[in-house]
Amino acid sequence: MASLLRKFRIKYSDVIEVTGISNRPSKDRIDQYLALPLDEGIDESNLDKKTLRHIRLGELLHEHSSDARLIVITISVPQRTVPPRQYLSWLEIMSTNLPPILLMRGNQTSVLTFYS
C-alpha cells in the first residue's frame, strides 16, 4: 500500500490497517443513530446488519480519522430496496462531527490505475 501511495505522490505518515468493522457498535452510537429522523417503529432490536455496519464504520472513523484534514471513503451505490431516509441516515451517522469527507461512489471494487 505504501509503495502504491508513493507512486501516486500521495504523502502519508502511517498506513494503518483498521480492524474491528464486524464488531457490534457501542450503545451510545446506536442511540445516536436512533435519534435521527428515521421511519417509525425502528428500534435497536430491528436494526439490520448493514445499518449496524455503517454505525460501526462511523465509530472507526472517529477513532482513527478525527485529526485528518480530509477523509476519503468509497460508499456503496444505494440499492432500490434501501429506503432513501435510511441511506441518508447511514451517511449522517458516518460523517457527523468529522473533518471534511469525500464520499465516492463505489461498486464493491477498489481500483487504482498507475501508468508509468
N, C-alpha and C. Protein backbone atom coordinates (compact mmCIF):
# COMPACT_ATOMS: atom_id res chain seq x y z
N MET A 1 0.82 -1.19 0.00
CA MET A 1 0.00 0.00 0.00
C MET A 1 0.87 1.25 0.00
N ALA A 2 1.91 1.25 0.83
CA ALA A 2 2.79 2.41 0.92
C ALA A 2 3.45 2.71 -0.42
N SER A 3 3.91 1.67 -1.12
CA SER A 3 4.57 1.90 -2.41
C SER A 3 3.57 2.43 -3.44
N LEU A 4 2.34 1.98 -3.39
CA LEU A 4 1.33 2.48 -4.31
C LEU A 4 1.04 3.95 -4.04
N LEU A 5 0.91 4.31 -2.78
CA LEU A 5 0.70 5.72 -2.44
C LEU A 5 1.87 6.58 -2.90
N ARG A 6 3.07 6.06 -2.76
CA ARG A 6 4.26 6.79 -3.20
C ARG A 6 4.24 7.01 -4.72
N LYS A 7 3.81 6.01 -5.49
CA LYS A 7 3.73 6.16 -6.94
C LYS A 7 2.77 7.27 -7.34
N PHE A 8 1.70 7.43 -6.58
CA PHE A 8 0.73 8.48 -6.85
C PHE A 8 1.11 9.81 -6.20
N ARG A 9 2.29 9.84 -5.58
CA ARG A 9 2.81 11.02 -4.89
C ARG A 9 1.83 11.51 -3.82
N ILE A 10 1.21 10.56 -3.14
CA ILE A 10 0.32 10.88 -2.02
C ILE A 10 1.14 10.78 -0.75
N LYS A 11 1.24 11.90 -0.03
CA LYS A 11 2.01 11.90 1.20
C LYS A 11 1.21 11.20 2.28
N TYR A 12 1.89 10.46 3.09
CA TYR A 12 1.24 9.75 4.17
C TYR A 12 2.23 9.66 5.33
N SER A 13 1.70 9.59 6.53
CA SER A 13 2.59 9.45 7.68
C SER A 13 2.63 8.00 8.13
N ASP A 14 1.53 7.34 8.13
CA ASP A 14 1.45 5.93 8.51
C ASP A 14 0.34 5.27 7.71
N VAL A 15 0.54 4.03 7.43
CA VAL A 15 -0.53 3.22 6.84
C VAL A 15 -0.97 2.27 7.94
N ILE A 16 -2.22 2.40 8.33
CA ILE A 16 -2.75 1.60 9.43
C ILE A 16 -3.93 0.78 8.91
N GLU A 17 -3.84 -0.51 9.09
CA GLU A 17 -4.97 -1.36 8.74
C GLU A 17 -5.95 -1.34 9.90
N VAL A 18 -7.16 -0.91 9.63
CA VAL A 18 -8.18 -0.80 10.67
C VAL A 18 -8.94 -2.12 10.74
N THR A 19 -9.03 -2.67 11.93
CA THR A 19 -9.78 -3.91 12.12
C THR A 19 -10.96 -3.64 13.04
N GLY A 20 -11.86 -4.57 13.12
CA GLY A 20 -12.98 -4.46 14.04
C GLY A 20 -14.27 -3.99 13.40
N ILE A 21 -14.32 -3.95 12.07
CA ILE A 21 -15.54 -3.48 11.41
C ILE A 21 -16.73 -4.38 11.70
N SER A 22 -16.48 -5.65 11.97
CA SER A 22 -17.60 -6.57 12.21
C SER A 22 -18.04 -6.59 13.68
N ASN A 23 -17.34 -5.86 14.55
CA ASN A 23 -17.77 -5.78 15.95
C ASN A 23 -19.06 -4.98 16.06
N ARG A 24 -19.80 -5.25 17.10
CA ARG A 24 -21.05 -4.52 17.32
C ARG A 24 -20.73 -3.09 17.77
N PRO A 25 -21.45 -2.09 17.23
CA PRO A 25 -21.20 -0.71 17.66
C PRO A 25 -21.63 -0.49 19.11
N SER A 26 -21.13 0.58 19.70
CA SER A 26 -21.46 0.88 21.09
C SER A 26 -22.93 1.30 21.22
N LYS A 27 -23.44 1.15 22.41
CA LYS A 27 -24.83 1.54 22.70
C LYS A 27 -25.04 3.03 22.45
N ASP A 28 -24.05 3.85 22.79
CA ASP A 28 -24.17 5.30 22.57
C ASP A 28 -24.33 5.63 21.09
N ARG A 29 -23.52 4.99 20.23
CA ARG A 29 -23.62 5.26 18.80
C ARG A 29 -24.94 4.75 18.22
N ILE A 30 -25.42 3.63 18.72
CA ILE A 30 -26.72 3.13 18.26
C ILE A 30 -27.81 4.11 18.67
N ASP A 31 -27.72 4.62 19.89
CA ASP A 31 -28.70 5.61 20.34
C ASP A 31 -28.65 6.89 19.51
N GLN A 32 -27.44 7.31 19.10
CA GLN A 32 -27.31 8.48 18.24
C GLN A 32 -28.00 8.22 16.90
N TYR A 33 -27.83 7.02 16.38
CA TYR A 33 -28.48 6.67 15.12
C TYR A 33 -30.01 6.68 15.28
N LEU A 34 -30.49 6.11 16.35
CA LEU A 34 -31.94 6.04 16.56
C LEU A 34 -32.54 7.41 16.82
N ALA A 35 -31.72 8.39 17.22
CA ALA A 35 -32.21 9.76 17.44
C ALA A 35 -32.40 10.52 16.12
N LEU A 36 -31.87 9.98 15.02
CA LEU A 36 -32.05 10.60 13.71
C LEU A 36 -33.50 10.43 13.27
N PRO A 37 -33.97 11.28 12.35
CA PRO A 37 -35.37 11.16 11.89
C PRO A 37 -35.57 9.94 10.99
N LEU A 38 -35.79 8.80 11.61
CA LEU A 38 -35.98 7.55 10.88
C LEU A 38 -37.46 7.25 10.74
N ASP A 39 -37.76 6.20 9.99
CA ASP A 39 -39.14 5.75 9.90
C ASP A 39 -39.59 5.25 11.26
N GLU A 40 -40.86 5.39 11.54
CA GLU A 40 -41.39 4.96 12.83
C GLU A 40 -41.28 3.45 12.99
N GLY A 41 -41.16 3.02 14.23
CA GLY A 41 -41.11 1.61 14.53
C GLY A 41 -39.72 1.00 14.51
N ILE A 42 -38.69 1.82 14.27
CA ILE A 42 -37.32 1.30 14.27
C ILE A 42 -36.73 1.46 15.66
N ASP A 43 -36.24 0.36 16.19
CA ASP A 43 -35.54 0.40 17.47
C ASP A 43 -34.32 -0.50 17.39
N GLU A 44 -33.59 -0.59 18.48
CA GLU A 44 -32.33 -1.34 18.46
C GLU A 44 -32.52 -2.81 18.09
N SER A 45 -33.65 -3.38 18.43
CA SER A 45 -33.87 -4.81 18.19
C SER A 45 -34.06 -5.15 16.71
N ASN A 46 -34.45 -4.17 15.88
CA ASN A 46 -34.69 -4.50 14.48
C ASN A 46 -33.76 -3.76 13.52
N LEU A 47 -32.55 -3.43 13.98
CA LEU A 47 -31.54 -2.86 13.08
C LEU A 47 -30.88 -3.99 12.30
N ASP A 48 -30.78 -3.83 10.99
CA ASP A 48 -30.18 -4.90 10.17
C ASP A 48 -28.65 -4.82 10.19
N LYS A 49 -28.02 -5.82 9.59
CA LYS A 49 -26.55 -5.91 9.60
C LYS A 49 -25.90 -4.72 8.91
N LYS A 50 -26.48 -4.28 7.80
CA LYS A 50 -25.89 -3.15 7.07
C LYS A 50 -25.93 -1.88 7.90
N THR A 51 -27.01 -1.66 8.60
CA THR A 51 -27.12 -0.47 9.45
C THR A 51 -26.10 -0.54 10.57
N LEU A 52 -25.99 -1.68 11.22
CA LEU A 52 -25.00 -1.83 12.30
C LEU A 52 -23.58 -1.64 11.77
N ARG A 53 -23.33 -2.08 10.56
CA ARG A 53 -22.00 -1.92 9.95
C ARG A 53 -21.70 -0.43 9.70
N HIS A 54 -22.68 0.32 9.21
CA HIS A 54 -22.48 1.75 8.97
C HIS A 54 -22.28 2.50 10.29
N ILE A 55 -23.01 2.11 11.32
CA ILE A 55 -22.82 2.74 12.63
C ILE A 55 -21.40 2.45 13.13
N ARG A 56 -20.96 1.21 12.99
CA ARG A 56 -19.62 0.84 13.43
C ARG A 56 -18.55 1.56 12.61
N LEU A 57 -18.78 1.72 11.31
CA LEU A 57 -17.84 2.45 10.48
C LEU A 57 -17.69 3.89 10.96
N GLY A 58 -18.80 4.51 11.36
CA GLY A 58 -18.73 5.85 11.93
C GLY A 58 -17.87 5.90 13.18
N GLU A 59 -18.00 4.87 14.02
CA GLU A 59 -17.15 4.79 15.22
C GLU A 59 -15.67 4.71 14.86
N LEU A 60 -15.37 3.85 13.89
CA LEU A 60 -13.97 3.68 13.48
C LEU A 60 -13.41 4.95 12.85
N LEU A 61 -14.23 5.66 12.10
CA LEU A 61 -13.78 6.93 11.53
C LEU A 61 -13.46 7.93 12.64
N HIS A 62 -14.27 7.97 13.67
CA HIS A 62 -14.00 8.86 14.80
C HIS A 62 -12.72 8.46 15.53
N GLU A 63 -12.51 7.17 15.70
CA GLU A 63 -11.32 6.69 16.40
C GLU A 63 -10.03 6.98 15.64
N HIS A 64 -10.05 6.77 14.32
CA HIS A 64 -8.82 6.78 13.56
C HIS A 64 -8.63 8.01 12.67
N SER A 65 -9.68 8.78 12.41
CA SER A 65 -9.56 9.86 11.42
C SER A 65 -10.03 11.21 11.91
N SER A 66 -10.27 11.36 13.19
CA SER A 66 -10.80 12.64 13.68
C SER A 66 -9.81 13.78 13.54
N ASP A 67 -8.51 13.49 13.41
CA ASP A 67 -7.50 14.54 13.24
C ASP A 67 -7.09 14.74 11.78
N ALA A 68 -7.72 14.03 10.87
CA ALA A 68 -7.36 14.12 9.45
C ALA A 68 -7.79 15.46 8.86
N ARG A 69 -7.15 15.84 7.78
CA ARG A 69 -7.57 17.04 7.06
C ARG A 69 -8.69 16.73 6.08
N LEU A 70 -8.67 15.50 5.56
CA LEU A 70 -9.69 15.06 4.61
C LEU A 70 -9.83 13.55 4.74
N ILE A 71 -11.05 13.08 4.74
CA ILE A 71 -11.33 11.65 4.78
C ILE A 71 -11.97 11.28 3.44
N VAL A 72 -11.44 10.24 2.81
CA VAL A 72 -11.97 9.77 1.54
C VAL A 72 -12.54 8.37 1.75
N ILE A 73 -13.80 8.20 1.41
CA ILE A 73 -14.48 6.92 1.62
C ILE A 73 -15.22 6.54 0.35
N THR A 74 -15.12 5.27 -0.03
CA THR A 74 -16.00 4.78 -1.09
C THR A 74 -17.26 4.26 -0.42
N ILE A 75 -18.38 4.62 -0.96
CA ILE A 75 -19.66 4.18 -0.41
C ILE A 75 -20.39 3.38 -1.48
N SER A 76 -21.21 2.49 -1.02
CA SER A 76 -21.95 1.65 -1.96
C SER A 76 -23.05 2.45 -2.64
N VAL A 77 -23.38 2.03 -3.82
CA VAL A 77 -24.47 2.64 -4.56
C VAL A 77 -25.77 2.31 -3.82
N PRO A 78 -26.65 3.28 -3.64
CA PRO A 78 -27.91 2.97 -2.94
C PRO A 78 -28.73 1.94 -3.71
N GLN A 79 -29.15 0.92 -3.01
CA GLN A 79 -29.97 -0.12 -3.62
C GLN A 79 -31.45 0.31 -3.58
N ARG A 80 -32.20 -0.17 -4.53
CA ARG A 80 -33.63 0.17 -4.57
C ARG A 80 -34.38 -0.32 -3.34
N THR A 81 -33.85 -1.37 -2.71
CA THR A 81 -34.53 -1.94 -1.55
C THR A 81 -34.28 -1.15 -0.26
N VAL A 82 -33.31 -0.22 -0.29
CA VAL A 82 -32.99 0.59 0.88
C VAL A 82 -33.76 1.90 0.78
N PRO A 83 -34.60 2.20 1.76
CA PRO A 83 -35.35 3.46 1.72
C PRO A 83 -34.38 4.66 1.74
N PRO A 84 -34.69 5.72 0.99
CA PRO A 84 -33.80 6.88 0.93
C PRO A 84 -33.48 7.47 2.31
N ARG A 85 -34.45 7.51 3.19
CA ARG A 85 -34.21 8.06 4.53
C ARG A 85 -33.19 7.22 5.30
N GLN A 86 -33.26 5.92 5.13
CA GLN A 86 -32.30 5.04 5.80
C GLN A 86 -30.90 5.24 5.24
N TYR A 87 -30.78 5.35 3.91
CA TYR A 87 -29.48 5.55 3.28
C TYR A 87 -28.86 6.87 3.75
N LEU A 88 -29.64 7.93 3.78
CA LEU A 88 -29.13 9.22 4.25
C LEU A 88 -28.77 9.18 5.73
N SER A 89 -29.49 8.39 6.50
CA SER A 89 -29.15 8.23 7.92
C SER A 89 -27.81 7.52 8.08
N TRP A 90 -27.52 6.56 7.20
CA TRP A 90 -26.21 5.90 7.23
C TRP A 90 -25.11 6.92 6.97
N LEU A 91 -25.31 7.77 5.96
CA LEU A 91 -24.31 8.80 5.65
C LEU A 91 -24.14 9.76 6.82
N GLU A 92 -25.22 10.12 7.44
CA GLU A 92 -25.19 11.05 8.57
C GLU A 92 -24.42 10.46 9.75
N ILE A 93 -24.70 9.22 10.10
CA ILE A 93 -24.05 8.63 11.27
C ILE A 93 -22.56 8.38 11.01
N MET A 94 -22.18 8.21 9.73
CA MET A 94 -20.77 8.01 9.41
C MET A 94 -19.98 9.31 9.39
N SER A 95 -20.65 10.44 9.13
CA SER A 95 -19.91 11.68 8.88
C SER A 95 -20.09 12.78 9.92
N THR A 96 -20.92 12.57 10.91
CA THR A 96 -21.18 13.61 11.90
C THR A 96 -19.93 13.91 12.73
N ASN A 97 -19.66 15.20 12.92
CA ASN A 97 -18.56 15.69 13.76
C ASN A 97 -17.19 15.18 13.33
N LEU A 98 -16.97 15.13 12.04
CA LEU A 98 -15.67 14.71 11.50
C LEU A 98 -15.16 15.81 10.57
N PRO A 99 -13.87 15.76 10.23
CA PRO A 99 -13.34 16.69 9.22
C PRO A 99 -14.06 16.47 7.88
N PRO A 100 -13.78 17.30 6.89
CA PRO A 100 -14.44 17.12 5.59
C PRO A 100 -14.27 15.69 5.06
N ILE A 101 -15.35 15.19 4.50
CA ILE A 101 -15.36 13.82 3.97
C ILE A 101 -15.73 13.86 2.50
N LEU A 102 -14.94 13.17 1.69
CA LEU A 102 -15.24 12.99 0.28
C LEU A 102 -15.84 11.60 0.13
N LEU A 103 -17.12 11.56 -0.23
CA LEU A 103 -17.82 10.29 -0.42
C LEU A 103 -17.79 9.96 -1.91
N MET A 104 -17.15 8.85 -2.24
CA MET A 104 -17.03 8.45 -3.63
C MET A 104 -17.92 7.24 -3.89
N ARG A 105 -18.58 7.27 -5.01
CA ARG A 105 -19.43 6.15 -5.37
C ARG A 105 -18.57 4.94 -5.65
N GLY A 106 -18.92 3.83 -5.05
CA GLY A 106 -18.17 2.60 -5.24
C GLY A 106 -19.05 1.52 -5.83
N ASN A 107 -18.40 0.48 -6.33
CA ASN A 107 -19.14 -0.67 -6.85
C ASN A 107 -18.58 -1.96 -6.29
N GLN A 108 -18.06 -1.90 -5.04
CA GLN A 108 -17.51 -3.04 -4.34
C GLN A 108 -16.16 -3.49 -4.89
N THR A 109 -15.53 -2.65 -5.72
CA THR A 109 -14.23 -2.97 -6.27
C THR A 109 -13.30 -1.77 -6.10
N SER A 110 -12.15 -1.99 -5.47
CA SER A 110 -11.17 -0.93 -5.34
C SER A 110 -10.24 -0.95 -6.54
N VAL A 111 -10.10 0.19 -7.20
CA VAL A 111 -9.29 0.26 -8.40
C VAL A 111 -8.45 1.52 -8.36
N LEU A 112 -7.15 1.39 -8.52
CA LEU A 112 -6.23 2.50 -8.75
C LEU A 112 -5.39 2.09 -9.94
N THR A 113 -5.30 2.97 -10.93
CA THR A 113 -4.55 2.65 -12.12
C THR A 113 -3.33 3.56 -12.19
N PHE A 114 -2.18 2.99 -12.39
CA PHE A 114 -0.93 3.75 -12.48
C PHE A 114 -0.25 3.40 -13.80
N TYR A 115 -0.01 4.41 -14.62
CA TYR A 115 0.70 4.21 -15.87
C TYR A 115 2.09 4.81 -15.71
N SER A 116 3.11 4.04 -15.99
CA SER A 116 4.49 4.57 -15.85
C SER A 116 5.04 4.98 -17.18
